[in-house]
């Protein structure tokens, strides 16, 4: 299985990655109509469905979200899809 991301060991690198993810989320939220149009063009799904789908997503990362990510990670390890390791989250900046 190809690795899509690498673990960073430094706090500085992790904070830069965090800032990039937040900036990406904020840009996306500010441009939902543009993203819906791109999704429509790429998939052929109607523009209204794409816009409704994107605007209905929860873009937060609360404790229940973190619990879900942790469970997803646990299941991947359990099924041998990824190596066992430690999953850690940085506090929000």
PDB file of N, CA and C in Angstrom:
ATOM      1  N   UNK A   1       0.847  -1.179   0.000  1.00  0.00           N
ATOM      2  CA  UNK A   1       0.000   0.000   0.000  1.00  0.00           C
ATOM      3  C   UNK A   1       0.895   1.246   0.000  1.00  0.00           C
ATOM      4  N   UNK A   2       0.610   2.168  -0.867  1.00  0.00           N
ATOM      5  CA  UNK A   2       1.392   3.377  -0.988  1.00  0.00           C
ATOM      6  C   UNK A   2       1.103   4.314   0.175  1.00  0.00           C
ATOM      7  N   UNK A   3       2.119   4.946   0.691  1.00  0.00           N
ATOM      8  CA  UNK A   3       1.921   5.904   1.780  1.00  0.00           C
ATOM      9  C   UNK A   3       1.496   7.239   1.199  1.00  0.00           C
ATOM     10  N   UNK A   4       0.405   7.778   1.719  1.00  0.00           N
ATOM     11  CA  UNK A   4      -0.095   9.056   1.224  1.00  0.00           C
ATOM     12  C   UNK A   4       0.401  10.222   2.057  1.00  0.00           C
ATOM     13  N   UNK A   5       0.832   9.955   3.260  1.00  0.00           N
ATOM     14  CA  UNK A   5       1.327  11.009   4.135  1.00  0.00           C
ATOM     15  C   UNK A   5       2.420  10.414   5.008  1.00  0.00           C
ATOM     16  N   UNK A   6       3.292  11.269   5.487  1.00  0.00           N
ATOM     17  CA  UNK A   6       4.324  10.776   6.384  1.00  0.00           C
ATOM     18  C   UNK A   6       4.124  11.409   7.754  1.00  0.00           C
ATOM     19  N   UNK A   7       4.575  10.703   8.762  1.00  0.00           N
ATOM     20  CA  UNK A   7       4.493  11.252  10.108  1.00  0.00           C
ATOM     21  C   UNK A   7       5.576  12.294  10.274  1.00  0.00           C
ATOM     22  N   UNK A   8       5.244  13.368  10.923  1.00  0.00           N
ATOM     23  CA  UNK A   8       6.252  14.370  11.236  1.00  0.00           C
ATOM     24  C   UNK A   8       6.650  14.182  12.677  1.00  0.00           C
ATOM     25  N   UNK A   9       7.897  14.400  12.952  1.00  0.00           N
ATOM     26  CA  UNK A   9       8.376  14.221  14.314  1.00  0.00           C
ATOM     27  C   UNK A   9       8.492  15.545  15.044  1.00  0.00           C
ATOM     28  N   UNK A  10       8.582  16.621  14.319  1.00  0.00           N
ATOM     29  CA  UNK A  10       8.767  17.914  14.953  1.00  0.00           C
ATOM     30  C   UNK A  10       7.465  18.651  15.153  1.00  0.00           C
ATOM     31  N   UNK A  11       7.366  19.335  16.274  1.00  0.00           N
ATOM     32  CA  UNK A  11       6.172  20.119  16.572  1.00  0.00           C
ATOM     33  C   UNK A  11       6.016  21.241  15.566  1.00  0.00           C
ATOM     34  N   UNK A  12       7.120  21.848  15.150  1.00  0.00           N
ATOM     35  CA  UNK A  12       7.056  22.944  14.186  1.00  0.00           C
ATOM     36  C   UNK A  12       6.412  22.481  12.879  1.00  0.00           C
ATOM     37  N   UNK A  13       6.841  21.328  12.379  1.00  0.00           N
ATOM     38  CA  UNK A  13       6.282  20.801  11.136  1.00  0.00           C
ATOM     39  C   UNK A  13       4.801  20.498  11.292  1.00  0.00           C
ATOM     40  N   UNK A  14       4.439  19.942  12.451  1.00  0.00           N
ATOM     41  CA  UNK A  14       3.038  19.616  12.698  1.00  0.00           C
ATOM     42  C   UNK A  14       2.190  20.875  12.763  1.00  0.00           C
ATOM     43  N   UNK A  15       2.705  21.919  13.358  1.00  0.00           N
ATOM     44  CA  UNK A  15       1.959  23.176  13.440  1.00  0.00           C
ATOM     45  C   UNK A  15       1.805  23.817  12.060  1.00  0.00           C
ATOM     46  N   UNK A  16       2.817  23.699  11.229  1.00  0.00           N
ATOM     47  CA  UNK A  16       2.720  24.216   9.858  1.00  0.00           C
ATOM     48  C   UNK A  16       1.663  23.428   9.088  1.00  0.00           C
ATOM     49  N   UNK A  17       1.670  22.111   9.254  1.00  0.00           N
ATOM     50  CA  UNK A  17       0.661  21.285   8.597  1.00  0.00           C
ATOM     51  C   UNK A  17      -0.732  21.648   9.102  1.00  0.00           C
ATOM     52  N   UNK A  18      -0.862  21.851  10.390  1.00  0.00           N
ATOM     53  CA  UNK A  18      -2.150  22.219  10.984  1.00  0.00           C
ATOM     54  C   UNK A  18      -2.648  23.536  10.401  1.00  0.00           C
ATOM     55  N   UNK A  19      -1.769  24.519  10.337  1.00  0.00           N
ATOM     56  CA  UNK A  19      -2.151  25.825   9.791  1.00  0.00           C
ATOM     57  C   UNK A  19      -2.584  25.691   8.331  1.00  0.00           C
ATOM     58  N   UNK A  20      -1.887  24.842   7.576  1.00  0.00           N
ATOM     59  CA  UNK A  20      -2.259  24.623   6.181  1.00  0.00           C
ATOM     60  C   UNK A  20      -3.628  23.973   6.044  1.00  0.00           C
ATOM     61  N   UNK A  21      -3.916  23.011   6.916  1.00  0.00           N
ATOM     62  CA  UNK A  21      -5.230  22.364   6.879  1.00  0.00           C
ATOM     63  C   UNK A  21      -6.345  23.337   7.235  1.00  0.00           C
ATOM     64  N   UNK A  22      -6.113  24.169   8.232  1.00  0.00           N
ATOM     65  CA  UNK A  22      -7.122  25.170   8.628  1.00  0.00           C
ATOM     66  C   UNK A  22      -7.347  26.162   7.491  1.00  0.00           C
ATOM     67  N   UNK A  23      -6.264  26.625   6.876  1.00  0.00           N
ATOM     68  CA  UNK A  23      -6.389  27.573   5.765  1.00  0.00           C
ATOM     69  C   UNK A  23      -7.140  26.928   4.592  1.00  0.00           C
ATOM     70  N   UNK A  24      -6.858  25.661   4.323  1.00  0.00           N
ATOM     71  CA  UNK A  24      -7.542  24.951   3.246  1.00  0.00           C
ATOM     72  C   UNK A  24      -9.029  24.817   3.546  1.00  0.00           C
ATOM     73  N   UNK A  25      -9.351  24.453   4.781  1.00  0.00           N
ATOM     74  CA  UNK A  25     -10.766  24.343   5.166  1.00  0.00           C
ATOM     75  C   UNK A  25     -11.467  25.687   5.008  1.00  0.00           C
ATOM     76  N   UNK A  26     -10.840  26.744   5.493  1.00  0.00           N
ATOM     77  CA  UNK A  26     -11.459  28.069   5.424  1.00  0.00           C
ATOM     78  C   UNK A  26     -11.661  28.522   3.971  1.00  0.00           C
ATOM     79  N   UNK A  27     -10.666  28.236   3.126  1.00  0.00           N
ATOM     80  CA  UNK A  27     -10.814  28.583   1.710  1.00  0.00           C
ATOM     81  C   UNK A  27     -11.978  27.801   1.111  1.00  0.00           C
ATOM     82  N   UNK A  28     -12.037  26.517   1.391  1.00  0.00           N
ATOM     83  CA  UNK A  28     -13.109  25.690   0.859  1.00  0.00           C
ATOM     84  C   UNK A  28     -14.479  26.163   1.285  1.00  0.00           C
ATOM     85  N   UNK A  29     -14.612  26.518   2.559  1.00  0.00           N
ATOM     86  CA  UNK A  29     -15.904  27.006   3.054  1.00  0.00           C
ATOM     87  C   UNK A  29     -16.302  28.317   2.383  1.00  0.00           C
ATOM     88  N   UNK A  30     -15.317  29.128   2.061  1.00  0.00           N
ATOM     89  CA  UNK A  30     -15.599  30.402   1.395  1.00  0.00           C
ATOM     90  C   UNK A  30     -15.888  30.229  -0.096  1.00  0.00           C
ATOM     91  N   UNK A  31     -15.608  29.045  -0.645  1.00  0.00           N
ATOM     92  CA  UNK A  31     -15.764  28.813  -2.077  1.00  0.00           C
ATOM     93  C   UNK A  31     -16.605  27.570  -2.373  1.00  0.00           C
ATOM     94  N   UNK A  32     -17.592  27.281  -1.541  1.00  0.00           N
ATOM     95  CA  UNK A  32     -18.422  26.092  -1.753  1.00  0.00           C
ATOM     96  C   UNK A  32     -19.104  26.064  -3.118  1.00  0.00           C
ATOM     97  N   UNK A  33     -19.632  27.185  -3.624  1.00  0.00           N
ATOM     98  CA  UNK A  33     -20.244  27.129  -4.958  1.00  0.00           C
ATOM     99  C   UNK A  33     -19.240  26.728  -6.050  1.00  0.00           C
ATOM    100  N   UNK A  34     -18.039  27.244  -5.968  1.00  0.00           N
ATOM    101  CA  UNK A  34     -16.999  26.892  -6.941  1.00  0.00           C
ATOM    102  C   UNK A  34     -16.650  25.407  -6.825  1.00  0.00           C
ATOM    103  N   UNK A  35     -16.525  24.899  -5.613  1.00  0.00           N
ATOM    104  CA  UNK A  35     -16.220  23.484  -5.413  1.00  0.00           C
ATOM    105  C   UNK A  35     -17.361  22.594  -5.890  1.00  0.00           C
ATOM    106  N   UNK A  36     -18.585  23.039  -5.660  1.00  0.00           N
ATOM    107  CA  UNK A  36     -19.748  22.275  -6.135  1.00  0.00           C
ATOM    108  C   UNK A  36     -19.749  22.214  -7.661  1.00  0.00           C
ATOM    109  N   UNK A  37     -19.402  23.330  -8.309  1.00  0.00           N
ATOM    110  CA  UNK A  37     -19.348  23.356  -9.773  1.00  0.00           C
ATOM    111  C   UNK A  37     -18.270  22.405 -10.289  1.00  0.00           C
ATOM    112  N   UNK A  38     -17.111  22.381  -9.620  1.00  0.00           N
ATOM    113  CA  UNK A  38     -16.048  21.458 -10.021  1.00  0.00           C
ATOM    114  C   UNK A  38     -16.488  20.009  -9.829  1.00  0.00           C
ATOM    115  N   UNK A  39     -17.159  19.731  -8.722  1.00  0.00           N
ATOM    116  CA  UNK A  39     -17.644  18.372  -8.466  1.00  0.00           C
ATOM    117  C   UNK A  39     -18.665  17.968  -9.530  1.00  0.00           C
ATOM    118  N   UNK A  40     -19.538  18.891  -9.881  1.00  0.00           N
ATOM    119  CA  UNK A  40     -20.536  18.646 -10.930  1.00  0.00           C
ATOM    120  C   UNK A  40     -19.866  18.315 -12.260  1.00  0.00           C
ATOM    121  N   UNK A  41     -18.879  19.115 -12.638  1.00  0.00           N
ATOM    122  CA  UNK A  41     -18.180  18.895 -13.907  1.00  0.00           C
ATOM    123  C   UNK A  41     -17.421  17.571 -13.917  1.00  0.00           C
ATOM    124  N   UNK A  42     -16.844  17.216 -12.779  1.00  0.00           N
ATOM    125  CA  UNK A  42     -16.025  16.000 -12.698  1.00  0.00           C
ATOM    126  C   UNK A  42     -16.867  14.738 -12.637  1.00  0.00           C
ATOM    127  N   UNK A  43     -17.975  14.789 -11.894  1.00  0.00           N
ATOM    128  CA  UNK A  43     -18.750  13.569 -11.635  1.00  0.00           C
ATOM    129  C   UNK A  43     -20.020  13.446 -12.455  1.00  0.00           C
ATOM    130  N   UNK A  44     -20.545  14.569 -12.931  1.00  0.00           N
ATOM    131  CA  UNK A  44     -21.828  14.538 -13.621  1.00  0.00           C
ATOM    132  C   UNK A  44     -23.012  14.560 -12.673  1.00  0.00           C
ATOM    133  N   UNK A  45     -22.746  14.574 -11.375  1.00  0.00           N
ATOM    134  CA  UNK A  45     -23.814  14.701 -10.382  1.00  0.00           C
ATOM    135  C   UNK A  45     -24.340  16.127 -10.483  1.00  0.00           C
ATOM    136  N   UNK A  46     -25.639  16.308 -10.321  1.00  0.00           N
ATOM    137  CA  UNK A  46     -26.214  17.639 -10.515  1.00  0.00           C
ATOM    138  C   UNK A  46     -25.580  18.671  -9.584  1.00  0.00           C
ATOM    139  N   UNK A  47     -25.523  19.886 -10.076  1.00  0.00           N
ATOM    140  CA  UNK A  47     -24.933  20.977  -9.309  1.00  0.00           C
ATOM    141  C   UNK A  47     -25.641  21.147  -7.972  1.00  0.00           C
ATOM    142  N   UNK A  48     -26.974  21.061  -7.963  1.00  0.00           N
ATOM    143  CA  UNK A  48     -27.720  21.218  -6.720  1.00  0.00           C
ATOM    144  C   UNK A  48     -27.364  20.142  -5.703  1.00  0.00           C
ATOM    145  N   UNK A  49     -27.228  18.904  -6.155  1.00  0.00           N
ATOM    146  CA  UNK A  49     -26.868  17.812  -5.246  1.00  0.00           C
ATOM    147  C   UNK A  49     -25.464  18.030  -4.697  1.00  0.00           C
ATOM    148  N   UNK A  50     -24.531  18.423  -5.554  1.00  0.00           N
ATOM    149  CA  UNK A  50     -23.159  18.688  -5.100  1.00  0.00           C
ATOM    150  C   UNK A  50     -23.134  19.815  -4.075  1.00  0.00           C
ATOM    151  N   UNK A  51     -23.854  20.904  -4.352  1.00  0.00           N
ATOM    152  CA  UNK A  51     -23.886  22.037  -3.428  1.00  0.00           C
ATOM    153  C   UNK A  51     -24.527  21.643  -2.104  1.00  0.00           C
ATOM    154  N   UNK A  52     -25.621  20.897  -2.173  1.00  0.00           N
ATOM    155  CA  UNK A  52     -26.290  20.453  -0.950  1.00  0.00           C
ATOM    156  C   UNK A  52     -25.386  19.534  -0.131  1.00  0.00           C
ATOM    157  N   UNK A  53     -24.710  18.623  -0.806  1.00  0.00           N
ATOM    158  CA  UNK A  53     -23.811  17.698  -0.118  1.00  0.00           C
ATOM    159  C   UNK A  53     -22.688  18.455   0.587  1.00  0.00           C
ATOM    160  N   UNK A  54     -22.010  19.333  -0.153  1.00  0.00           N
ATOM    161  CA  UNK A  54     -20.874  20.060   0.422  1.00  0.00           C
ATOM    162  C   UNK A  54     -21.295  20.987   1.556  1.00  0.00           C
ATOM    163  N   UNK A  55     -22.459  21.612   1.424  1.00  0.00           N
ATOM    164  CA  UNK A  55     -22.903  22.531   2.481  1.00  0.00           C
ATOM    165  C   UNK A  55     -23.445  21.776   3.691  1.00  0.00           C
ATOM    166  N   UNK A  56     -23.747  20.493   3.530  1.00  0.00           N
ATOM    167  CA  UNK A  56     -24.264  19.702   4.650  1.00  0.00           C
ATOM    168  C   UNK A  56     -23.203  18.986   5.454  1.00  0.00           C
ATOM    169  N   UNK A  57     -21.955  19.034   5.000  1.00  0.00           N
ATOM    170  CA  UNK A  57     -20.883  18.365   5.730  1.00  0.00           C
ATOM    171  C   UNK A  57     -20.517  19.127   6.993  1.00  0.00           C
ATOM    172  N   UNK A  58     -20.048  18.419   7.988  1.00  0.00           N
ATOM    173  CA  UNK A  58     -19.567  19.025   9.226  1.00  0.00           C
ATOM    174  C   UNK A  58     -18.053  19.152   9.108  1.00  0.00           C
ATOM    175  N   UNK A  59     -17.560  20.354   9.052  1.00  0.00           N
ATOM    176  CA  UNK A  59     -16.139  20.592   8.844  1.00  0.00           C
ATOM    177  C   UNK A  59     -15.380  20.814  10.152  1.00  0.00           C
ATOM    178  N   UNK A  60     -16.020  20.529  11.270  1.00  0.00           N
ATOM    179  CA  UNK A  60     -15.382  20.690  12.565  1.00  0.00           C
ATOM    180  C   UNK A  60     -14.545  19.478  12.935  1.00  0.00           C
ATOM    181  N   UNK A  61     -13.832  19.607  14.029  1.00  0.00           N
ATOM    182  CA  UNK A  61     -13.044  18.501  14.548  1.00  0.00           C
ATOM    183  C   UNK A  61     -13.161  18.506  16.074  1.00  0.00           C
ATOM    184  N   UNK A  62     -14.328  18.073  16.530  1.00  0.00           N
ATOM    185  CA  UNK A  62     -14.627  18.047  17.959  1.00  0.00           C
ATOM    186  C   UNK A  62     -14.188  16.714  18.559  1.00  0.00           C
ATOM    187  N   UNK A  63     -14.422  16.549  19.852  1.00  0.00           N
ATOM    188  CA  UNK A  63     -14.072  15.291  20.506  1.00  0.00           C
ATOM    189  C   UNK A  63     -14.776  14.088  19.883  1.00  0.00           C
ATOM    190  N   UNK A  64     -16.064  14.181  19.541  1.00  0.00           N
ATOM    191  CA  UNK A  64     -16.682  13.031  18.862  1.00  0.00           C
ATOM    192  C   UNK A  64     -16.026  12.715  17.506  1.00  0.00           C
ATOM    193  N   UNK A  65     -15.590  13.750  16.785  1.00  0.00           N
ATOM    194  CA  UNK A  65     -14.885  13.522  15.521  1.00  0.00           C
ATOM    195  C   UNK A  65     -13.563  12.794  15.784  1.00  0.00           C
ATOM    196  N   UNK A  66     -12.830  13.256  16.794  1.00  0.00           N
ATOM    197  CA  UNK A  66     -11.555  12.619  17.133  1.00  0.00           C
ATOM    198  C   UNK A  66     -11.767  11.165  17.551  1.00  0.00           C
ATOM    199  N   UNK A  67     -12.844  10.908  18.287  1.00  0.00           N
ATOM    200  CA  UNK A  67     -13.158   9.533  18.684  1.00  0.00           C
ATOM    201  C   UNK A  67     -13.430   8.679  17.448  1.00  0.00           C
ATOM    202  N   UNK A  68     -14.117   9.236  16.468  1.00  0.00           N
ATOM    203  CA  UNK A  68     -14.372   8.515  15.228  1.00  0.00           C
ATOM    204  C   UNK A  68     -13.102   8.230  14.454  1.00  0.00           C
ATOM    205  N   UNK A  69     -12.206   9.217  14.390  1.00  0.00           N
ATOM    206  CA  UNK A  69     -10.929   9.002  13.713  1.00  0.00           C
ATOM    207  C   UNK A  69     -10.107   7.931  14.418  1.00  0.00           C
ATOM    208  N   UNK A  70     -10.132   7.957  15.742  1.00  0.00           N
ATOM    209  CA  UNK A  70      -9.407   6.962  16.522  1.00  0.00           C
ATOM    210  C   UNK A  70      -9.962   5.568  16.264  1.00  0.00           C
ATOM    211  N   UNK A  71     -11.266   5.452  16.210  1.00  0.00           N
ATOM    212  CA  UNK A  71     -11.892   4.152  15.938  1.00  0.00           C
ATOM    213  C   UNK A  71     -11.569   3.685  14.518  1.00  0.00           C
ATOM    214  N   UNK A  72     -11.591   4.595  13.573  1.00  0.00           N
ATOM    215  CA  UNK A  72     -11.240   4.261  12.185  1.00  0.00           C
ATOM    216  C   UNK A  72      -9.809   3.740  12.125  1.00  0.00           C
ATOM    217  N   UNK A  73      -8.898   4.435  12.792  1.00  0.00           N
ATOM    218  CA  UNK A  73      -7.496   4.022  12.853  1.00  0.00           C
ATOM    219  C   UNK A  73      -7.379   2.635  13.478  1.00  0.00           C
ATOM    220  N   UNK A  74      -8.077   2.409  14.583  1.00  0.00           N
ATOM    221  CA  UNK A  74      -8.037   1.119  15.270  1.00  0.00           C
ATOM    222  C   UNK A  74      -8.488  -0.006  14.334  1.00  0.00           C
ATOM    223  N   UNK A  75      -9.541   0.248  13.587  1.00  0.00           N
ATOM    224  CA  UNK A  75     -10.055  -0.777  12.671  1.00  0.00           C
ATOM    225  C   UNK A  75      -9.092  -1.051  11.521  1.00  0.00           C
ATOM    226  N   UNK A  76      -8.417  -0.013  11.031  1.00  0.00           N
ATOM    227  CA  UNK A  76      -7.408  -0.224   9.982  1.00  0.00           C
ATOM    228  C   UNK A  76      -6.276  -1.099  10.496  1.00  0.00           C
ATOM    229  N   UNK A  77      -5.823  -0.828  11.714  1.00  0.00           N
ATOM    230  CA  UNK A  77      -4.768  -1.642  12.324  1.00  0.00           C
ATOM    231  C   UNK A  77      -5.264  -3.069  12.505  1.00  0.00           C
ATOM    232  N   UNK A  78      -6.469  -3.214  13.035  1.00  0.00           N
ATOM    233  CA  UNK A  78      -7.058  -4.534  13.295  1.00  0.00           C
ATOM    234  C   UNK A  78      -7.119  -5.385  12.024  1.00  0.00           C
ATOM    235  N   UNK A  79      -7.392  -4.753  10.907  1.00  0.00           N
ATOM    236  CA  UNK A  79      -7.518  -5.475   9.641  1.00  0.00           C
ATOM    237  C   UNK A  79      -6.190  -5.593   8.891  1.00  0.00           C
ATOM    238  N   UNK A  80      -5.118  -5.100   9.498  1.00  0.00           N
ATOM    239  CA  UNK A  80      -3.808  -5.201   8.878  1.00  0.00           C
ATOM    240  C   UNK A  80      -3.586  -4.255   7.720  1.00  0.00           C
ATOM    241  N   UNK A  81      -4.398  -3.211   7.612  1.00  0.00           N
ATOM    242  CA  UNK A  81      -4.276  -2.260   6.498  1.00  0.00           C
ATOM    243  C   UNK A  81      -3.155  -1.248   6.720  1.00  0.00           C
ATOM    244  N   UNK A  82      -2.838  -0.984   7.987  1.00  0.00           N
ATOM    245  CA  UNK A  82      -1.753  -0.078   8.349  1.00  0.00           C
ATOM    246  C   UNK A  82      -1.009  -0.682   9.530  1.00  0.00           C
ATOM    247  N   UNK A  83       0.260  -0.310   9.707  1.00  0.00           N
ATOM    248  CA  UNK A  83       0.997  -0.848  10.855  1.00  0.00           C
ATOM    249  C   UNK A  83       0.490  -0.229  12.158  1.00  0.00           C
ATOM    250  N   UNK A  84       0.578  -1.005  13.222  1.00  0.00           N
ATOM    251  CA  UNK A  84       0.180  -0.501  14.523  1.00  0.00           C
ATOM    252  C   UNK A  84       1.173   0.574  14.965  1.00  0.00           C
ATOM    253  N   UNK A  85       0.666   1.582  15.579  1.00  0.00           N
ATOM    254  CA  UNK A  85       1.498   2.674  16.063  1.00  0.00           C
ATOM    255  C   UNK A  85       0.690   3.507  17.025  1.00  0.00           C
ATOM    256  N   UNK A  86       1.161   4.684  17.249  1.00  0.00           N
ATOM    257  CA  UNK A  86       0.480   5.592  18.162  1.00  0.00           C
ATOM    258  C   UNK A  86      -0.175   6.703  17.368  1.00  0.00           C
ATOM    259  N   UNK A  87      -1.445   6.877  17.569  1.00  0.00           N
ATOM    260  CA  UNK A  87      -2.189   7.953  16.926  1.00  0.00           C
ATOM    261  C   UNK A  87      -2.283   9.099  17.926  1.00  0.00           C
ATOM    262  N   UNK A  88      -1.775  10.251  17.549  1.00  0.00           N
ATOM    263  CA  UNK A  88      -1.809  11.401  18.439  1.00  0.00           C
ATOM    264  C   UNK A  88      -2.394  12.602  17.718  1.00  0.00           C
ATOM    265  N   UNK A  89      -3.001  13.460  18.470  1.00  0.00           N
ATOM    266  CA  UNK A  89      -3.576  14.687  17.938  1.00  0.00           C
ATOM    267  C   UNK A  89      -2.966  15.867  18.665  1.00  0.00           C
ATOM    268  N   UNK A  90      -2.681  16.919  17.923  1.00  0.00           N
ATOM    269  CA  UNK A  90      -2.185  18.152  18.534  1.00  0.00           C
ATOM    270  C   UNK A  90      -3.367  18.998  18.957  1.00  0.00           C
ATOM    271  N   UNK A  91      -3.224  19.734  20.028  1.00  0.00           N
ATOM    272  CA  UNK A  91      -4.310  20.649  20.386  1.00  0.00           C
ATOM    273  C   UNK A  91      -4.434  21.739  19.326  1.00  0.00           C
ATOM    274  N   UNK A  92      -5.625  22.245  19.167  1.00  0.00           N
ATOM    275  CA  UNK A  92      -5.859  23.299  18.181  1.00  0.00           C
ATOM    276  C   UNK A  92      -5.059  24.536  18.530  1.00  0.00           C
ATOM    277  N   UNK A  93      -4.560  25.176  17.494  1.00  0.00           N
ATOM    278  CA  UNK A  93      -3.748  26.386  17.708  1.00  0.00           C
ATOM    279  C   UNK A  93      -4.650  27.559  17.997  1.00  0.00           C
TER     280      UNK A  93
END
